[in-house]
Protein backbone atom coordinates (compact mmCIF):
# COMPACT_ATOMS: atom_id res chain seq x y z
CA UNK A 1 -123.09 28.30 -12.15
CA UNK A 2 -125.31 25.79 -13.94
CA UNK A 3 -127.53 28.64 -15.21
CA UNK A 4 -124.53 30.59 -16.54
CA UNK A 5 -123.08 27.50 -18.20
CA UNK A 6 -126.42 26.66 -19.88
CA UNK A 7 -127.01 30.17 -21.25
CA UNK A 8 -123.38 30.69 -22.34
CA UNK A 9 -123.24 27.26 -23.98
CA UNK A 10 -120.21 26.11 -21.97
CA UNK A 11 -119.49 23.60 -19.22
CA UNK A 12 -119.71 24.50 -15.52
CA UNK A 13 -115.95 23.87 -15.37
CA UNK A 14 -115.40 26.69 -17.90
CA UNK A 15 -117.56 29.01 -15.77
CA UNK A 16 -115.42 28.08 -12.76
CA UNK A 17 -112.23 28.83 -14.68
CA UNK A 18 -113.52 32.25 -15.74
CA UNK A 19 -114.64 32.97 -12.18
CA UNK A 20 -111.18 32.09 -10.83
CA UNK A 21 -109.31 34.10 -13.47
CA UNK A 22 -107.76 31.08 -15.17
CA UNK A 23 -105.84 31.75 -18.40
CA UNK A 24 -106.99 28.40 -19.85
CA UNK A 25 -110.05 29.97 -21.48
CA UNK A 26 -110.28 31.51 -24.96
CA UNK A 27 -110.79 35.30 -24.88
CA UNK A 28 -114.04 35.16 -26.84
CA UNK A 29 -115.39 32.42 -24.53
CA UNK A 30 -114.35 34.42 -21.46
CA UNK A 31 -116.16 37.51 -22.74
CA UNK A 32 -119.32 35.49 -23.47
CA UNK A 33 -119.31 33.89 -20.02
CA UNK A 34 -118.64 37.23 -18.29
CA UNK A 35 -121.52 38.84 -20.19
CA UNK A 36 -123.89 36.09 -19.00
CA UNK A 37 -122.54 36.41 -15.44
CA UNK A 38 -123.36 40.11 -15.49
CA UNK A 39 -126.78 39.52 -17.01
CA UNK A 40 -127.77 36.89 -14.43
CA UNK A 41 -126.12 38.65 -11.49
CA UNK A 42 -123.78 35.71 -10.85
CA UNK A 43 -121.05 36.00 -8.25
CA UNK A 44 -118.78 33.31 -6.78
CA UNK A 45 -119.85 31.72 -3.52
CA UNK A 46 -116.77 32.28 -1.35
CA UNK A 47 -118.02 29.99 1.40
CA UNK A 48 -118.40 27.19 -1.12
CA UNK A 49 -115.00 27.98 -2.61
CA UNK A 50 -113.42 27.84 0.83
CA UNK A 51 -115.01 24.45 1.50
CA UNK A 52 -113.62 23.13 -1.77
CA UNK A 53 -110.16 24.71 -1.71
CA UNK A 54 -109.64 25.39 1.99
CA UNK A 55 -109.04 29.12 1.32
CA UNK A 56 -111.21 32.21 1.70
CA UNK A 57 -108.87 34.53 -0.26
CA UNK A 58 -109.21 37.13 2.50
CA UNK A 59 -106.49 38.58 4.75
CA UNK A 60 -107.40 40.08 8.12
CA UNK A 61 -105.73 43.28 9.38
CA UNK A 62 -105.97 44.13 13.08
CA UNK A 63 -105.22 47.74 14.04
CA UNK A 64 -104.87 49.35 17.45
CA UNK A 65 -104.65 52.89 16.07
CA UNK A 66 -106.26 54.19 12.87
CA UNK A 67 -105.19 57.81 13.44
CA UNK A 68 -101.52 57.67 12.49
CA UNK A 69 -100.27 58.42 8.98
CA UNK A 70 -98.03 55.35 8.94
CA UNK A 71 -100.76 52.89 9.89
CA UNK A 72 -103.14 54.22 7.26
CA UNK A 73 -100.47 54.08 4.56
CA UNK A 74 -99.59 50.50 5.52
CA UNK A 75 -103.27 49.50 5.49
CA UNK A 76 -103.64 51.10 2.07
CA UNK A 77 -100.61 49.18 0.83
CA UNK A 78 -101.85 45.85 2.19
CA UNK A 79 -105.26 46.38 0.56
CA UNK A 80 -103.60 47.21 -2.76
CA UNK A 81 -101.39 44.10 -2.62
CA UNK A 82 -104.37 41.95 -1.67
CA UNK A 83 -106.52 43.26 -4.52
CA UNK A 84 -103.71 42.63 -7.01
CA UNK A 85 -103.67 38.96 -5.92
CA UNK A 86 -107.45 38.61 -5.93
CA UNK A 87 -107.73 38.80 -2.14
CA UNK A 88 -110.11 40.81 0.01
CA UNK A 89 -109.11 42.61 3.22
CA UNK A 90 -111.02 42.43 6.49
CA UNK A 91 -110.11 45.23 8.95
CA UNK A 92 -110.58 44.85 12.70
CA UNK A 93 -110.01 47.82 15.00
CA UNK A 94 -108.99 46.99 18.56
CA UNK A 95 -109.15 48.78 21.89
CA UNK A 96 -106.05 48.85 24.09
CA UNK A 97 -107.86 48.41 27.41
CA UNK A 98 -107.80 44.60 27.34
CA UNK A 99 -105.17 42.81 29.41
CA UNK A 100 -104.48 40.41 26.54
CA UNK A 101 -105.23 42.41 23.39
CA UNK A 102 -103.20 40.27 20.95
CA UNK A 103 -104.89 37.06 21.99
CA UNK A 104 -108.25 38.83 21.99
CA UNK A 105 -107.59 40.25 18.51
CA UNK A 106 -106.84 36.79 17.13
CA UNK A 107 -109.93 35.29 18.73
CA UNK A 108 -112.07 38.01 17.20
CA UNK A 109 -110.43 37.69 13.78
CA UNK A 110 -111.00 33.92 13.75
CA UNK A 111 -114.73 34.63 13.67
CA UNK A 112 -114.27 36.03 10.16
CA UNK A 113 -113.51 34.06 6.98
CA UNK A 114 -109.81 34.97 6.71
CA UNK A 115 -106.80 32.88 5.67
CA UNK A 116 -104.18 34.86 7.58
CA UNK A 117 -103.75 37.95 9.71
CA UNK A 118 -101.50 41.03 9.82
CA UNK A 119 -101.36 42.97 13.10
CA UNK A 120 -100.35 46.66 13.04
CA UNK A 121 -99.09 46.92 16.61
CA UNK A 122 -97.73 50.38 17.35
CA UNK A 123 -98.51 50.41 21.04
CA UNK A 124 -97.17 48.27 23.86
CA UNK A 125 -99.46 45.44 24.91
CA UNK A 126 -99.36 43.21 27.96
CA UNK A 127 -99.18 39.84 26.18
CA UNK A 128 -96.62 40.64 23.46
CA UNK A 129 -93.79 38.55 24.95
CA UNK A 130 -95.97 35.47 25.52
CA UNK A 131 -98.19 35.71 22.45
CA UNK A 132 -98.20 32.60 20.26
CA UNK A 133 -100.35 32.59 17.11
CA UNK A 134 -102.74 29.66 16.61
CA UNK A 135 -101.66 26.89 14.26
CA UNK A 136 -104.68 27.40 12.02
CA UNK A 137 -104.18 31.16 11.47
CA UNK A 138 -100.83 32.55 10.28
CA UNK A 139 -100.01 35.90 11.94
CA UNK A 140 -97.49 38.55 10.86
CA UNK A 141 -96.88 41.57 13.10
CA UNK A 142 -95.86 45.05 11.98
CA UNK A 143 -94.22 46.23 15.16
CA UNK A 144 -91.04 47.43 16.83
CA UNK A 145 -88.91 44.57 18.11
CA UNK A 146 -88.75 40.86 17.29
CA UNK A 147 -91.08 38.23 18.70
CA UNK A 148 -90.01 34.75 19.75
CA UNK A 149 -93.21 33.27 18.33
CA UNK A 150 -94.17 35.35 15.32
CA UNK A 151 -92.46 36.99 12.30
CA UNK A 152 -92.28 40.79 12.59
CA UNK A 153 -91.52 43.69 10.27
CA UNK A 154 -91.19 47.45 10.76
CA UNK A 155 -89.42 50.66 9.77
CA UNK A 156 -86.01 51.27 11.31
CA UNK A 157 -87.42 53.52 14.03
CA UNK A 158 -84.19 53.75 16.01
CA UNK A 159 -81.99 54.12 12.95
CA UNK A 160 -84.02 56.91 11.37
CA UNK A 161 -83.70 59.03 14.53
CA UNK A 162 -79.98 58.29 14.80
CA UNK A 163 -79.47 59.28 11.15
CA UNK A 164 -81.47 62.49 11.57
CA UNK A 165 -79.48 63.48 14.66
CA UNK A 166 -76.16 62.67 12.98
CA UNK A 167 -77.20 64.72 9.95
CA UNK A 168 -77.99 67.79 12.06
CA UNK A 169 -74.72 67.47 13.98
CA UNK A 170 -72.82 67.16 10.70
CA UNK A 171 -74.23 70.57 9.73
CA UNK A 172 -72.38 72.16 12.65
CA UNK A 173 -75.12 72.23 15.28
CA UNK A 174 -73.71 71.73 18.77
CA UNK A 175 -76.68 69.71 19.95
CA UNK A 176 -80.17 68.66 18.81
CA UNK A 177 -83.44 69.35 20.59
CA UNK A 178 -86.13 66.67 20.28
CA UNK A 179 -89.92 66.65 20.09
CA UNK A 180 -90.85 63.08 21.01
CA UNK A 181 -94.07 61.23 20.29
CA UNK A 182 -96.40 59.85 22.98
CA UNK A 183 -94.72 57.42 25.35
CA UNK A 184 -97.25 54.64 24.78
CA UNK A 185 -96.00 54.42 21.20
CA UNK A 186 -93.18 51.97 20.59
CA UNK A 187 -92.08 53.96 17.54
CA UNK A 188 -91.87 57.19 19.56
CA UNK A 189 -89.81 55.55 22.29
CA UNK A 190 -87.39 54.02 19.77
CA UNK A 191 -86.97 57.32 17.92
CA UNK A 192 -86.30 59.11 21.20
CA UNK A 193 -83.72 56.47 22.11
CA UNK A 194 -82.02 56.78 18.71
CA UNK A 195 -81.76 60.55 19.15
CA UNK A 196 -80.47 60.32 22.72
CA UNK A 197 -77.91 57.57 22.03
CA UNK A 198 -76.49 59.59 19.12
CA UNK A 199 -75.94 62.59 21.40
CA UNK A 200 -74.49 60.38 24.14
CA UNK A 201 -71.88 59.03 21.72
CA UNK A 202 -70.58 62.59 21.14
CA UNK A 203 -68.27 63.50 24.02
CA UNK A 204 -69.16 66.68 25.87
CA UNK A 205 -72.43 67.17 23.99
CA UNK A 206 -75.31 68.66 25.98
CA UNK A 207 -78.51 66.57 25.88
CA UNK A 208 -81.57 68.84 26.13
CA UNK A 209 -84.73 67.63 27.84
CA UNK A 210 -87.08 66.25 25.17
CA UNK A 211 -90.56 67.69 24.74
CA UNK A 212 -93.20 64.95 24.80
CA UNK A 213 -95.75 65.59 22.08
CA UNK A 214 -98.77 63.65 20.81
CA UNK A 215 -97.98 63.30 17.05
CA UNK A 216 -100.17 66.36 16.29
CA UNK A 217 -99.08 69.78 15.02
CA UNK A 218 -100.41 71.62 18.08
CA UNK A 219 -97.93 69.87 20.38
CA UNK A 220 -95.15 70.68 17.92
CA UNK A 221 -96.23 74.34 17.97
CA UNK A 222 -95.96 74.47 21.77
CA UNK A 223 -92.56 72.79 21.65
CA UNK A 224 -91.36 75.19 18.96
CA UNK A 225 -92.25 78.22 21.06
CA UNK A 226 -90.55 76.69 24.10
CA UNK A 227 -87.35 75.81 22.22
CA UNK A 228 -87.24 79.20 20.48
CA UNK A 229 -86.93 80.85 23.90
CA UNK A 230 -83.67 78.93 24.50
CA UNK A 231 -80.75 80.84 22.88
CA UNK A 232 -78.72 77.61 22.65
CA UNK A 233 -81.30 75.90 20.42
CA UNK A 234 -80.25 75.88 16.76
CA UNK A 235 -81.65 72.50 15.64
CA UNK A 236 -84.87 70.60 16.36
CA UNK A 237 -85.63 67.00 15.41
CA UNK A 238 -89.33 66.13 15.62
CA UNK A 239 -90.48 62.49 15.74
CA UNK A 240 -92.92 63.08 12.87
CA UNK A 241 -93.65 65.66 10.20
CA UNK A 242 -96.87 66.89 11.80
CA UNK A 243 -95.01 67.99 14.94
CA UNK A 244 -92.16 69.35 12.82
CA UNK A 245 -94.63 71.53 10.91
CA UNK A 246 -96.14 72.73 14.19
CA UNK A 247 -92.64 73.47 15.51
CA UNK A 248 -91.88 75.66 12.48
CA UNK A 249 -95.07 77.63 13.08
CA UNK A 250 -94.31 77.93 16.79
CA UNK A 251 -90.72 79.08 16.22
CA UNK A 252 -91.72 81.67 13.65
CA UNK A 253 -94.51 82.99 15.89
CA UNK A 254 -91.75 84.20 18.25
CA UNK A 255 -90.05 86.23 15.54
CA UNK A 256 -87.33 83.68 14.78
CA UNK A 257 -87.01 82.03 11.39
CA UNK A 258 -86.51 78.50 10.02
CA UNK A 259 -83.80 77.65 9.03
CA UNK A 260 -81.89 80.93 9.54
CA UNK A 261 -82.21 80.84 13.33
CA UNK A 262 -83.33 77.27 14.03
CA UNK A 263 -83.21 74.22 11.76
CA UNK A 264 -86.11 71.75 11.89
CA UNK A 265 -86.28 68.15 10.73
CA UNK A 266 -89.09 65.55 10.82
CA UNK A 267 -89.87 61.90 10.08
CA UNK A 268 -92.10 60.10 7.55
CA UNK A 269 -92.36 62.62 4.66
CA UNK A 270 -96.12 62.81 5.05
CA UNK A 271 -96.65 66.51 4.28
CA UNK A 272 -94.74 66.95 1.04
CA UNK A 273 -97.12 68.21 -1.62
CA UNK A 274 -99.97 68.74 0.85
CA UNK A 275 -98.79 71.79 2.84
CA UNK A 276 -98.06 74.80 0.59
CA UNK A 277 -94.48 76.15 0.60
CA UNK A 278 -93.34 73.65 3.23
CA UNK A 279 -89.87 72.40 2.28
CA UNK A 280 -89.18 70.12 5.22
CA UNK A 281 -86.05 68.01 5.53
CA UNK A 282 -87.18 64.62 6.79
CA UNK A 283 -86.52 60.91 7.09
CA UNK A 284 -88.85 59.21 4.62
CA UNK A 285 -90.46 55.98 5.82
CA UNK A 286 -91.22 53.41 3.10
CA UNK A 287 -94.64 52.28 4.29
CA UNK A 288 -95.49 50.68 0.95
CA UNK A 289 -92.48 48.36 1.31
CA UNK A 290 -93.62 47.34 4.77
CA UNK A 291 -97.09 46.56 3.39
CA UNK A 292 -95.70 44.57 0.46
CA UNK A 293 -93.37 42.56 2.68
CA UNK A 294 -96.03 41.89 5.32
CA UNK A 295 -98.55 40.75 2.72
CA UNK A 296 -95.96 38.55 0.98
CA UNK A 297 -95.02 36.97 4.32
CA UNK A 298 -98.59 36.19 5.33
CA UNK A 299 -99.42 34.88 1.85
CA UNK A 300 -96.46 32.50 1.95
CA UNK A 301 -97.54 31.40 5.42
CA UNK A 302 -101.07 30.73 4.13
CA UNK A 303 -99.54 28.52 1.44
CA UNK A 304 -97.59 26.55 4.03
CA UNK A 305 -94.22 28.32 3.71
CA UNK A 306 -94.05 29.97 7.11
CA UNK A 307 -91.34 32.64 7.59
CA UNK A 308 -88.86 32.09 10.41
CA UNK A 309 -90.03 33.30 13.82
CA UNK A 310 -87.82 35.39 16.06
CA UNK A 311 -86.61 37.35 13.03
CA UNK A 312 -87.49 40.99 12.43
CA UNK A 313 -87.42 42.44 8.91
CA UNK A 314 -86.26 46.07 9.06
CA UNK A 315 -87.00 48.61 6.31
CA UNK A 316 -84.47 51.50 6.47
CA UNK A 317 -85.55 55.14 6.24
CA UNK A 318 -84.29 57.54 3.57
CA UNK A 319 -82.90 61.02 4.19
CA UNK A 320 -84.78 63.64 2.15
CA UNK A 321 -82.89 66.95 2.11
CA UNK A 322 -84.93 70.10 1.58
CA UNK A 323 -84.52 73.64 2.89
CA UNK A 324 -85.51 73.53 6.57
CA UNK A 325 -81.95 72.80 7.79
CA UNK A 326 -79.15 75.38 7.79
CA UNK A 327 -75.54 74.30 7.32
CA UNK A 328 -73.49 76.14 9.96
CA UNK A 329 -70.20 74.80 8.64
CA UNK A 330 -70.19 77.07 5.56
């Protein structure tokens, strides 16, 4: 910093202001200092900055599953929000074999220079109910269900499935078949419950046995072929778009057609614009809103304004109507 200040003809305080993005520097002075920084290869010492200000300007993200579309979109959103605020993002991937994975994740994250932590917790873990974040590391969880010790946020997993099922029933279908996600996933279990409860609330409605998939299109394909063999099946609700796409392929491999013979609906709106000629009706999840809210919550907590614990922020899904559902009422 002294070298930059000397060559640029400014004070070390001015160099510090430029480094921290302060507006209290004239544009021509900023450009001169930045040119010298580039010439000398100067970069801020974040360890020194943390010692001075008590902040690393880095948010940790712990993930138990990097393979799902939702988790990757949320991670992308958090990283974008962090960069816009001048923060870095440290990502920690966790295994689910530990008896106390949340506590273990926090202990591991505390080894890194982070100010706060966001946990993307899709799967059930043993220590969720008893987990209490440390006082020196704010923790926000993106997960299904509230915590008594930590703020949480998530999509409306139950509500999106209920809305999808109600939509299909409103189109004149006498029942809805379901392709569920893996049972270790909290989101899959909640979506299955939303579907089932909606059918239960309709008197005299038959509830078909759900097909348990694995989020991938191959399991949806197998389910589609199985459901197509049932003459009573006119509507299928898949717990994500990948399985819905597979179901369409499976149904049509039997000689039946979507939506003329069987309507198909998915969740998350992940395939629009990526799979040619796929016009899938779906429940769109707003992953960017989850990321923005989670980052805002952890940033406020880092600044001493901790959000209330025991409260879950729910982001509702949005019905996206396309052409994979047939209206039997017309």
